[in-house]
Amino acid sequence: MDLFAIISDQPHIIQVKHTASGVLKKGPEVVRALLGSAVLKNAEYASLVTSASEFTPSTLELANRINKLENSKVKMKLANLNNLLDMIEKNIKKDNFIERLLSDNLNNEYYLK
């Protein structure tokens, strides 16, 4: 976990991963570790942000499975480089950019692609 934040009274944890390749290859391991950190910190949201342009299919599948669990108190979000650039472009002039980046009010098109 790289960052812990309280946004709109909800705990968020964020893990940032940089990779030289276009694909985050160790994604499932990072998602599992992030989920564990979220549970231990009692965070409602866990976000994995990467400089890679895409996630592996297994990373996407795991994040989707976590989000579909009925008893899970954690919502997993994924954002790749393209998602981040798009969010920055759309929100750069807004004062609440960081809050919008992490909030659940964003359109889900940014996550789990």
N, C-alpha and C. Protein backbone atom coordinates (compact mmCIF):
# COMPACT_ATOMS: atom_id res chain seq x y z
N MET A 1 0.85 -1.17 0.00
CA MET A 1 0.00 0.00 0.00
C MET A 1 0.90 1.24 0.00
N ASP A 2 0.63 2.12 -0.94
CA ASP A 2 1.43 3.34 -1.05
C ASP A 2 0.77 4.54 -0.40
N LEU A 3 -0.55 4.54 -0.36
CA LEU A 3 -1.27 5.71 0.12
C LEU A 3 -2.54 5.28 0.83
N PHE A 4 -2.82 5.92 1.96
CA PHE A 4 -4.08 5.74 2.68
C PHE A 4 -4.73 7.11 2.74
N ALA A 5 -5.99 7.18 2.34
CA ALA A 5 -6.67 8.48 2.33
C ALA A 5 -8.12 8.31 2.79
N ILE A 6 -8.64 9.35 3.40
CA ILE A 6 -10.06 9.41 3.75
C ILE A 6 -10.70 10.39 2.76
N ILE A 7 -11.61 9.88 1.96
CA ILE A 7 -12.26 10.70 0.94
C ILE A 7 -13.76 10.58 1.15
N SER A 8 -14.40 11.71 1.36
CA SER A 8 -15.84 11.74 1.66
C SER A 8 -16.17 10.78 2.79
N ASP A 9 -15.36 10.81 3.84
CA ASP A 9 -15.52 9.98 5.04
C ASP A 9 -15.38 8.49 4.78
N GLN A 10 -14.79 8.11 3.65
CA GLN A 10 -14.60 6.68 3.34
C GLN A 10 -13.11 6.40 3.19
N PRO A 11 -12.61 5.36 3.87
CA PRO A 11 -11.20 5.02 3.76
C PRO A 11 -10.87 4.40 2.40
N HIS A 12 -9.78 4.88 1.80
CA HIS A 12 -9.28 4.37 0.52
C HIS A 12 -7.81 3.99 0.70
N ILE A 13 -7.41 2.89 0.06
CA ILE A 13 -5.99 2.61 -0.02
C ILE A 13 -5.62 2.51 -1.50
N ILE A 14 -4.41 2.94 -1.80
CA ILE A 14 -3.97 3.00 -3.19
C ILE A 14 -2.59 2.36 -3.29
N GLN A 15 -2.44 1.51 -4.28
CA GLN A 15 -1.14 0.91 -4.61
C GLN A 15 -0.77 1.37 -6.00
N VAL A 16 0.43 1.90 -6.16
CA VAL A 16 0.89 2.39 -7.46
C VAL A 16 2.03 1.48 -7.91
N LYS A 17 1.94 1.02 -9.16
CA LYS A 17 2.99 0.16 -9.73
C LYS A 17 3.45 0.74 -11.06
N HIS A 18 4.76 0.88 -11.18
CA HIS A 18 5.36 1.33 -12.44
C HIS A 18 6.01 0.13 -13.13
N THR A 19 5.85 0.05 -14.42
CA THR A 19 6.49 -1.00 -15.20
C THR A 19 6.96 -0.45 -16.53
N ALA A 20 8.07 -0.95 -17.00
CA ALA A 20 8.59 -0.51 -18.30
C ALA A 20 7.83 -1.17 -19.45
N SER A 21 7.25 -2.33 -19.17
CA SER A 21 6.49 -3.01 -20.22
C SER A 21 5.07 -2.46 -20.27
N GLY A 22 4.35 -2.79 -21.30
CA GLY A 22 3.00 -2.28 -21.46
C GLY A 22 1.95 -3.01 -20.65
N VAL A 23 2.35 -4.13 -20.00
CA VAL A 23 1.39 -4.95 -19.26
C VAL A 23 1.89 -5.14 -17.83
N LEU A 24 1.01 -4.96 -16.86
CA LEU A 24 1.35 -5.22 -15.46
C LEU A 24 1.23 -6.73 -15.25
N LYS A 25 2.37 -7.43 -15.27
CA LYS A 25 2.37 -8.88 -15.25
C LYS A 25 2.14 -9.48 -13.87
N LYS A 26 2.50 -8.79 -12.82
CA LYS A 26 2.32 -9.32 -11.47
C LYS A 26 1.04 -8.80 -10.84
N GLY A 27 0.07 -8.49 -11.65
CA GLY A 27 -1.17 -7.89 -11.18
C GLY A 27 -1.94 -8.71 -10.17
N PRO A 28 -2.18 -10.01 -10.41
CA PRO A 28 -2.97 -10.78 -9.44
C PRO A 28 -2.35 -10.79 -8.04
N GLU A 29 -1.03 -10.90 -7.96
CA GLU A 29 -0.37 -10.89 -6.66
C GLU A 29 -0.57 -9.54 -5.97
N VAL A 30 -0.48 -8.48 -6.75
CA VAL A 30 -0.66 -7.13 -6.20
C VAL A 30 -2.10 -6.94 -5.73
N VAL A 31 -3.06 -7.42 -6.51
CA VAL A 31 -4.48 -7.30 -6.14
C VAL A 31 -4.75 -8.05 -4.84
N ARG A 32 -4.21 -9.27 -4.71
CA ARG A 32 -4.41 -10.04 -3.47
C ARG A 32 -3.80 -9.32 -2.27
N ALA A 33 -2.59 -8.78 -2.43
CA ALA A 33 -1.95 -8.05 -1.33
C ALA A 33 -2.72 -6.78 -0.99
N LEU A 34 -3.22 -6.10 -2.01
CA LEU A 34 -3.99 -4.88 -1.80
C LEU A 34 -5.30 -5.19 -1.07
N LEU A 35 -5.94 -6.28 -1.44
CA LEU A 35 -7.17 -6.69 -0.75
C LEU A 35 -6.88 -6.97 0.71
N GLY A 36 -5.79 -7.67 0.99
CA GLY A 36 -5.41 -7.94 2.38
C GLY A 36 -5.17 -6.66 3.16
N SER A 37 -4.48 -5.71 2.56
CA SER A 37 -4.24 -4.42 3.21
C SER A 37 -5.55 -3.69 3.46
N ALA A 38 -6.46 -3.74 2.51
CA ALA A 38 -7.76 -3.06 2.66
C ALA A 38 -8.53 -3.66 3.83
N VAL A 39 -8.52 -4.97 3.94
CA VAL A 39 -9.23 -5.63 5.04
C VAL A 39 -8.60 -5.23 6.37
N LEU A 40 -7.28 -5.28 6.45
CA LEU A 40 -6.59 -4.93 7.70
C LEU A 40 -6.79 -3.48 8.10
N LYS A 41 -6.87 -2.59 7.11
CA LYS A 41 -7.06 -1.16 7.37
C LYS A 41 -8.53 -0.78 7.45
N ASN A 42 -9.42 -1.75 7.24
CA ASN A 42 -10.86 -1.51 7.24
C ASN A 42 -11.24 -0.46 6.19
N ALA A 43 -10.58 -0.54 5.03
CA ALA A 43 -10.84 0.40 3.93
C ALA A 43 -11.96 -0.12 3.06
N GLU A 44 -12.80 0.77 2.59
CA GLU A 44 -13.91 0.40 1.73
C GLU A 44 -13.50 0.32 0.27
N TYR A 45 -12.44 1.03 -0.10
CA TYR A 45 -12.00 1.07 -1.49
C TYR A 45 -10.51 0.78 -1.57
N ALA A 46 -10.13 -0.04 -2.55
CA ALA A 46 -8.74 -0.35 -2.81
C ALA A 46 -8.51 -0.11 -4.30
N SER A 47 -7.51 0.72 -4.62
CA SER A 47 -7.24 1.06 -6.01
C SER A 47 -5.82 0.66 -6.38
N LEU A 48 -5.70 0.01 -7.53
CA LEU A 48 -4.41 -0.32 -8.10
C LEU A 48 -4.23 0.57 -9.32
N VAL A 49 -3.18 1.38 -9.29
CA VAL A 49 -2.90 2.32 -10.37
C VAL A 49 -1.54 1.94 -10.96
N THR A 50 -1.47 1.88 -12.27
CA THR A 50 -0.23 1.46 -12.91
C THR A 50 0.11 2.32 -14.13
N SER A 51 1.40 2.39 -14.41
CA SER A 51 1.85 3.08 -15.62
C SER A 51 1.73 2.18 -16.84
N ALA A 52 1.43 0.91 -16.63
CA ALA A 52 1.23 -0.01 -17.76
C ALA A 52 -0.02 0.40 -18.53
N SER A 53 -0.06 0.03 -19.79
CA SER A 53 -1.23 0.39 -20.60
C SER A 53 -2.37 -0.62 -20.46
N GLU A 54 -2.08 -1.78 -19.87
CA GLU A 54 -3.14 -2.76 -19.67
C GLU A 54 -2.82 -3.71 -18.53
N PHE A 55 -3.87 -4.36 -18.06
CA PHE A 55 -3.76 -5.39 -17.04
C PHE A 55 -3.88 -6.75 -17.70
N THR A 56 -3.32 -7.76 -17.06
CA THR A 56 -3.48 -9.12 -17.59
C THR A 56 -4.93 -9.55 -17.39
N PRO A 57 -5.41 -10.49 -18.20
CA PRO A 57 -6.77 -11.00 -18.01
C PRO A 57 -6.99 -11.57 -16.60
N SER A 58 -5.97 -12.21 -16.04
CA SER A 58 -6.14 -12.77 -14.69
C SER A 58 -6.29 -11.68 -13.63
N THR A 59 -5.64 -10.54 -13.84
CA THR A 59 -5.80 -9.41 -12.92
C THR A 59 -7.22 -8.86 -13.00
N LEU A 60 -7.71 -8.67 -14.19
CA LEU A 60 -9.08 -8.17 -14.38
C LEU A 60 -10.10 -9.14 -13.79
N GLU A 61 -9.89 -10.42 -14.03
CA GLU A 61 -10.82 -11.43 -13.52
C GLU A 61 -10.85 -11.42 -11.99
N LEU A 62 -9.69 -11.37 -11.37
CA LEU A 62 -9.63 -11.36 -9.91
C LEU A 62 -10.32 -10.13 -9.33
N ALA A 63 -10.05 -8.96 -9.89
CA ALA A 63 -10.69 -7.73 -9.40
C ALA A 63 -12.21 -7.81 -9.57
N ASN A 64 -12.66 -8.32 -10.69
CA ASN A 64 -14.11 -8.48 -10.91
C ASN A 64 -14.71 -9.46 -9.91
N ARG A 65 -14.01 -10.55 -9.64
CA ARG A 65 -14.52 -11.53 -8.66
C ARG A 65 -14.64 -10.91 -7.28
N ILE A 66 -13.65 -10.12 -6.88
CA ILE A 66 -13.69 -9.45 -5.58
C ILE A 66 -14.90 -8.51 -5.52
N ASN A 67 -15.13 -7.76 -6.58
CA ASN A 67 -16.24 -6.80 -6.60
C ASN A 67 -17.60 -7.48 -6.61
N LYS A 68 -17.67 -8.72 -7.05
CA LYS A 68 -18.95 -9.44 -7.10
C LYS A 68 -19.25 -10.23 -5.83
N LEU A 69 -18.29 -10.34 -4.91
CA LEU A 69 -18.52 -11.07 -3.68
C LEU A 69 -19.57 -10.37 -2.84
N GLU A 70 -20.58 -11.11 -2.42
CA GLU A 70 -21.66 -10.51 -1.63
C GLU A 70 -21.19 -9.97 -0.30
N ASN A 71 -20.31 -10.70 0.37
CA ASN A 71 -19.90 -10.32 1.72
C ASN A 71 -18.67 -9.43 1.76
N SER A 72 -18.12 -9.07 0.59
CA SER A 72 -16.93 -8.24 0.57
C SER A 72 -17.28 -6.80 0.93
N LYS A 73 -16.49 -6.25 1.83
CA LYS A 73 -16.68 -4.85 2.20
C LYS A 73 -15.74 -3.94 1.42
N VAL A 74 -14.97 -4.54 0.50
CA VAL A 74 -13.97 -3.78 -0.26
C VAL A 74 -14.37 -3.74 -1.73
N LYS A 75 -14.33 -2.54 -2.30
CA LYS A 75 -14.54 -2.38 -3.74
C LYS A 75 -13.17 -2.16 -4.37
N MET A 76 -12.81 -3.02 -5.31
CA MET A 76 -11.51 -2.97 -5.97
C MET A 76 -11.62 -2.16 -7.26
N LYS A 77 -10.70 -1.22 -7.44
CA LYS A 77 -10.67 -0.40 -8.64
C LYS A 77 -9.31 -0.56 -9.30
N LEU A 78 -9.30 -0.59 -10.62
CA LEU A 78 -8.06 -0.65 -11.39
C LEU A 78 -8.01 0.53 -12.34
N ALA A 79 -6.84 1.14 -12.46
CA ALA A 79 -6.67 2.24 -13.41
C ALA A 79 -5.31 2.08 -14.08
N ASN A 80 -5.32 2.02 -15.41
CA ASN A 80 -4.06 1.92 -16.14
C ASN A 80 -3.67 3.30 -16.66
N LEU A 81 -2.55 3.35 -17.37
CA LEU A 81 -2.04 4.63 -17.86
C LEU A 81 -3.07 5.37 -18.72
N ASN A 82 -3.72 4.66 -19.62
CA ASN A 82 -4.72 5.30 -20.49
C ASN A 82 -5.88 5.87 -19.68
N ASN A 83 -6.32 5.12 -18.66
CA ASN A 83 -7.40 5.61 -17.80
C ASN A 83 -6.98 6.88 -17.08
N LEU A 84 -5.74 6.87 -16.55
CA LEU A 84 -5.25 8.04 -15.82
C LEU A 84 -5.14 9.27 -16.71
N LEU A 85 -4.59 9.08 -17.89
CA LEU A 85 -4.46 10.21 -18.81
C LEU A 85 -5.83 10.77 -19.18
N ASP A 86 -6.78 9.91 -19.39
CA ASP A 86 -8.14 10.34 -19.72
C ASP A 86 -8.76 11.11 -18.56
N MET A 87 -8.60 10.58 -17.33
CA MET A 87 -9.15 11.27 -16.16
C MET A 87 -8.49 12.62 -15.95
N ILE A 88 -7.18 12.69 -16.15
CA ILE A 88 -6.46 13.96 -15.98
C ILE A 88 -6.95 14.98 -17.00
N GLU A 89 -7.07 14.55 -18.24
CA GLU A 89 -7.53 15.45 -19.30
C GLU A 89 -8.92 15.99 -19.00
N LYS A 90 -9.80 15.15 -18.50
CA LYS A 90 -11.18 15.57 -18.23
C LYS A 90 -11.31 16.40 -16.96
N ASN A 91 -10.36 16.26 -16.04
CA ASN A 91 -10.53 16.87 -14.73
C ASN A 91 -9.43 17.84 -14.33
N ILE A 92 -8.50 18.12 -15.19
CA ILE A 92 -7.33 18.91 -14.83
C ILE A 92 -7.69 20.29 -14.29
N LYS A 93 -8.76 20.88 -14.75
CA LYS A 93 -9.12 22.23 -14.32
C LYS A 93 -10.05 22.24 -13.11
N LYS A 94 -10.39 21.06 -12.62
CA LYS A 94 -11.32 20.99 -11.50
C LYS A 94 -10.54 20.94 -10.19
N ASP A 95 -11.03 21.66 -9.20
CA ASP A 95 -10.36 21.72 -7.91
C ASP A 95 -10.33 20.37 -7.20
N ASN A 96 -11.31 19.55 -7.45
CA ASN A 96 -11.42 18.30 -6.71
C ASN A 96 -10.91 17.11 -7.51
N PHE A 97 -9.85 17.29 -8.28
CA PHE A 97 -9.35 16.23 -9.15
C PHE A 97 -9.01 14.95 -8.39
N ILE A 98 -8.25 15.05 -7.31
CA ILE A 98 -7.84 13.85 -6.57
C ILE A 98 -9.07 13.15 -5.98
N GLU A 99 -9.98 13.91 -5.42
CA GLU A 99 -11.18 13.30 -4.87
C GLU A 99 -11.99 12.59 -5.96
N ARG A 100 -12.11 13.22 -7.12
CA ARG A 100 -12.84 12.59 -8.22
C ARG A 100 -12.12 11.35 -8.73
N LEU A 101 -10.80 11.41 -8.73
CA LEU A 101 -10.00 10.27 -9.18
C LEU A 101 -10.28 9.05 -8.32
N LEU A 102 -10.45 9.25 -7.04
CA LEU A 102 -10.59 8.13 -6.12
C LEU A 102 -12.04 7.83 -5.75
N SER A 103 -12.94 8.72 -6.07
CA SER A 103 -14.31 8.55 -5.62
C SER A 103 -15.06 7.51 -6.44
N ASP A 104 -16.12 7.04 -5.87
CA ASP A 104 -16.96 6.05 -6.53
C ASP A 104 -17.93 6.74 -7.49
N ASN A 105 -17.91 8.07 -7.53
CA ASN A 105 -18.82 8.81 -8.39
C ASN A 105 -18.36 8.84 -9.84
N LEU A 106 -17.13 8.41 -10.09
CA LEU A 106 -16.65 8.39 -11.47
C LEU A 106 -17.37 7.29 -12.25
N ASN A 107 -17.52 7.51 -13.49
CA ASN A 107 -18.11 6.51 -14.37
C ASN A 107 -17.22 5.27 -14.36
N ASN A 108 -17.80 4.09 -14.26
CA ASN A 108 -17.03 2.86 -14.18
C ASN A 108 -16.24 2.55 -15.45
N GLU A 109 -16.38 3.36 -16.49
CA GLU A 109 -15.62 3.11 -17.72
C GLU A 109 -14.12 3.18 -17.46
N TYR A 110 -13.72 3.85 -16.38
CA TYR A 110 -12.31 3.97 -16.08
C TYR A 110 -11.72 2.73 -15.44
N TYR A 111 -12.56 1.90 -14.92
CA TYR A 111 -12.08 0.78 -14.13
C TYR A 111 -12.42 -0.55 -14.78
N LEU A 112 -11.60 -1.51 -14.54
CA LEU A 112 -11.83 -2.89 -14.94
C LEU A 112 -12.02 -3.05 -16.43
N LYS A 113 -11.17 -2.41 -17.20
CA LYS A 113 -11.20 -2.58 -18.65
C LYS A 113 -10.21 -3.65 -19.03
